[in-house]
Amino acid sequence: MNTKTDQNINVGVDTGKSQLDIYIRPLDIYFTVSNDGKGIREAIIKLKKFNPVRIVIEATGRLEFNFIVACAKADLPFVVANPIHVKRFAGAIGQRAKTDKLDAKLIAHYGEAIQPNLSALKPETMQAMSDLVTRRNQLLTMQTMEKNRLNIMPKYMARTNKPILTAFKN
């Protein structure tokens, strides 16, 4: 069965910790796979058959990373969308209901209507540097929180903060 069409196929992917909800527009095809190596391979095989013009997935703090790497390796066009843009699009079209299927359908609709520019993977060294900067910022935020707690907690509680602050300093 040849599933390639002359239509502009846009795919929306709603990412969760354990699963990916995938909607193919305008064909009205919906399916779910596990968000692990096996499920991602299954999704890539299925999506390649439709020759999509773009696969849109929201940035979700790295839950989407393995999927976009798989898309890049399979030469599938992908977009890592800013969730705020997708949310504003939902508001503009009056979509308030929220389920995984509706989110995937909305993301595909966003891809079709807005046609965001395709994304590309960062080179490994740049990704590693970006990850390190992100982690450093997280640690600095936690350190600031602990310092602020130290100033407002009773003195007898300070001994619980000091080892943590020492660890951050080291």
Protein backbone atom coordinates (compact mmCIF):
# COMPACT_ATOMS: atom_id res chain seq x y z
CA MET A 1 0.00 0.00 0.00
CA ASN A 2 1.49 3.33 -1.04
CA THR A 3 0.41 5.98 1.44
CA LYS A 4 2.27 8.93 -0.11
CA THR A 5 -0.05 11.69 -1.28
CA ASP A 6 0.14 15.02 -3.08
CA GLN A 7 -1.21 16.76 0.03
CA ASN A 8 0.94 18.82 2.36
CA ILE A 9 1.15 16.51 5.33
CA ASN A 10 1.72 18.14 8.71
CA VAL A 11 2.25 16.01 11.77
CA GLY A 12 1.64 17.11 15.34
CA VAL A 13 3.33 15.29 18.20
CA ASP A 14 2.20 15.73 21.80
CA THR A 15 5.03 14.59 24.05
CA GLY A 16 4.64 12.89 27.39
CA LYS A 17 7.07 11.09 29.66
CA SER A 18 5.84 7.68 28.62
CA GLN A 19 4.12 8.22 25.27
CA LEU A 20 3.95 10.23 22.07
CA ASP A 21 0.53 11.12 20.68
CA ILE A 22 0.79 11.67 16.94
CA TYR A 23 -1.75 13.23 14.58
CA ILE A 24 -1.37 13.37 10.78
CA ARG A 25 -3.16 16.27 9.12
CA PRO A 26 -5.17 16.47 6.86
CA LEU A 27 -5.52 12.68 6.73
CA ASP A 28 -7.12 12.56 10.20
CA ILE A 29 -4.85 9.72 11.34
CA TYR A 30 -4.06 9.45 15.04
CA PHE A 31 -1.86 6.95 16.85
CA THR A 32 0.13 6.62 20.05
CA VAL A 33 3.55 5.07 20.64
CA SER A 34 5.69 4.73 23.73
CA ASN A 35 8.28 7.47 24.23
CA ASP A 36 11.20 5.06 24.14
CA GLY A 37 13.48 3.62 21.47
CA LYS A 38 11.00 1.00 20.30
CA GLY A 39 8.03 3.38 20.10
CA ILE A 40 10.05 6.10 18.41
CA ARG A 41 11.32 3.64 15.76
CA GLU A 42 7.74 2.54 15.14
CA ALA A 43 6.60 6.17 14.75
CA ILE A 44 9.44 7.04 12.36
CA ILE A 45 8.66 4.03 10.13
CA LYS A 46 4.98 4.99 10.02
CA LEU A 47 5.63 8.70 9.39
CA LYS A 48 8.12 8.12 6.55
CA LYS A 49 5.31 6.48 4.56
CA PHE A 50 3.40 9.78 4.46
CA ASN A 51 6.29 12.01 3.34
CA PRO A 52 5.37 14.90 5.69
CA VAL A 53 6.37 18.49 4.95
CA ARG A 54 6.89 19.03 8.67
CA ILE A 55 6.60 17.21 11.96
CA VAL A 56 5.90 19.67 14.75
CA ILE A 57 6.71 18.85 18.36
CA GLU A 58 6.68 21.22 21.31
CA ALA A 59 9.84 21.82 23.30
CA THR A 60 9.18 20.03 26.58
CA GLY A 61 12.45 20.18 28.48
CA ARG A 62 14.18 17.29 26.70
CA LEU A 63 11.32 14.78 26.61
CA GLU A 64 11.20 15.40 22.86
CA PHE A 65 14.96 15.04 22.30
CA ASN A 66 15.17 11.35 21.35
CA PHE A 67 12.30 11.77 18.91
CA ILE A 68 13.88 14.75 17.13
CA VAL A 69 17.22 12.94 16.92
CA ALA A 70 15.40 10.02 15.28
CA CYS A 71 13.67 12.42 12.85
CA ALA A 72 17.01 13.99 11.94
CA LYS A 73 18.61 10.58 11.35
CA ALA A 74 15.64 9.54 9.17
CA ASP A 75 15.81 12.82 7.17
CA LEU A 76 12.32 13.78 8.29
CA PRO A 77 11.61 17.54 8.48
CA PHE A 78 10.92 18.57 12.06
CA VAL A 79 10.10 21.72 13.98
CA VAL A 80 10.70 22.13 17.69
CA ALA A 81 7.95 24.64 18.49
CA ASN A 82 7.78 27.05 21.37
CA PRO A 83 4.85 25.87 23.55
CA ILE A 84 3.78 29.48 24.12
CA HIS A 85 3.28 29.96 20.37
CA VAL A 86 1.16 26.82 20.16
CA LYS A 87 -0.87 27.91 23.20
CA ARG A 88 -1.51 31.33 21.66
CA PHE A 89 -2.56 29.66 18.41
CA ALA A 90 -5.02 27.51 20.38
CA GLY A 91 -6.45 30.65 21.97
CA ALA A 92 -6.73 32.36 18.59
CA ILE A 93 -8.78 29.50 17.13
CA GLY A 94 -10.82 29.12 20.32
CA GLN A 95 -9.62 25.66 21.34
CA ARG A 96 -9.99 25.19 25.07
CA ALA A 97 -10.46 21.44 25.44
CA LYS A 98 -7.32 19.56 26.33
CA THR A 99 -6.56 15.90 25.77
CA ASP A 100 -3.44 14.29 24.34
CA LYS A 101 -5.23 13.61 21.05
CA LEU A 102 -6.57 17.17 20.80
CA ASP A 103 -3.12 18.56 21.62
CA ALA A 104 -1.51 16.49 18.85
CA LYS A 105 -4.26 17.61 16.44
CA LEU A 106 -3.76 21.25 17.49
CA ILE A 107 0.01 21.04 16.99
CA ALA A 108 -0.50 19.62 13.47
CA HIS A 109 -2.99 22.41 12.71
CA TYR A 110 -0.46 24.96 14.02
CA GLY A 111 2.16 23.49 11.67
CA GLU A 112 -0.16 23.70 8.68
CA ALA A 113 -1.45 27.23 9.37
CA ILE A 114 1.72 28.92 10.63
CA GLN A 115 4.28 26.89 8.64
CA PRO A 116 7.09 27.49 11.14
CA ASN A 117 10.66 27.19 9.90
CA LEU A 118 12.21 23.76 10.15
CA SER A 119 14.60 23.08 13.01
CA ALA A 120 18.02 21.46 12.88
CA LEU A 121 19.97 19.55 15.46
CA LYS A 122 22.82 21.36 17.12
CA PRO A 123 26.22 19.74 16.62
CA GLU A 124 27.07 17.42 19.52
CA THR A 125 29.63 19.77 21.07
CA MET A 126 27.22 22.72 20.93
CA GLN A 127 24.45 20.58 22.45
CA ALA A 128 26.81 19.49 25.24
CA MET A 129 27.78 23.12 25.91
CA SER A 130 24.13 24.16 25.92
CA ASP A 131 23.30 21.35 28.36
CA LEU A 132 26.17 22.42 30.64
CA VAL A 133 25.04 26.06 30.64
CA THR A 134 21.47 24.99 31.41
CA ARG A 135 22.65 22.79 34.28
CA ARG A 136 24.90 25.56 35.66
CA ASN A 137 21.93 27.96 35.66
CA GLN A 138 19.80 25.37 37.46
CA LEU A 139 22.47 24.94 40.15
CA LEU A 140 22.88 28.70 40.57
CA THR A 141 19.12 29.06 41.00
CA MET A 142 19.10 26.34 43.66
CA GLN A 143 22.07 27.98 45.40
CA THR A 144 20.24 31.33 45.50
CA MET A 145 17.15 29.62 46.92
CA GLU A 146 19.21 28.01 49.68
CA LYS A 147 20.93 31.33 50.51
CA ASN A 148 17.52 33.02 50.73
CA ARG A 149 16.25 30.27 53.03
CA LEU A 150 19.31 30.67 55.24
CA ASN A 151 18.34 34.32 55.85
CA ILE A 152 14.74 33.58 56.88
CA MET A 153 15.02 30.26 58.76
CA PRO A 154 15.63 30.01 62.49
CA LYS A 155 19.32 29.72 63.41
CA TYR A 156 19.00 26.08 64.53
CA MET A 157 17.89 25.18 60.99
CA ALA A 158 20.96 26.78 59.38
CA ARG A 159 22.94 23.58 59.88
CA THR A 160 20.70 21.89 57.28
CA ASN A 161 21.45 24.59 54.67
CA LYS A 162 25.19 24.92 55.16
CA PRO A 163 26.19 21.48 53.81
CA ILE A 164 24.08 22.10 50.72
CA LEU A 165 25.64 25.55 50.18
CA THR A 166 29.11 24.01 50.62
CA ALA A 167 28.28 21.40 47.97
CA PHE A 168 27.14 24.12 45.57
CA LYS A 169 30.31 26.13 46.26
CA ASN A 170 32.52 23.09 45.57
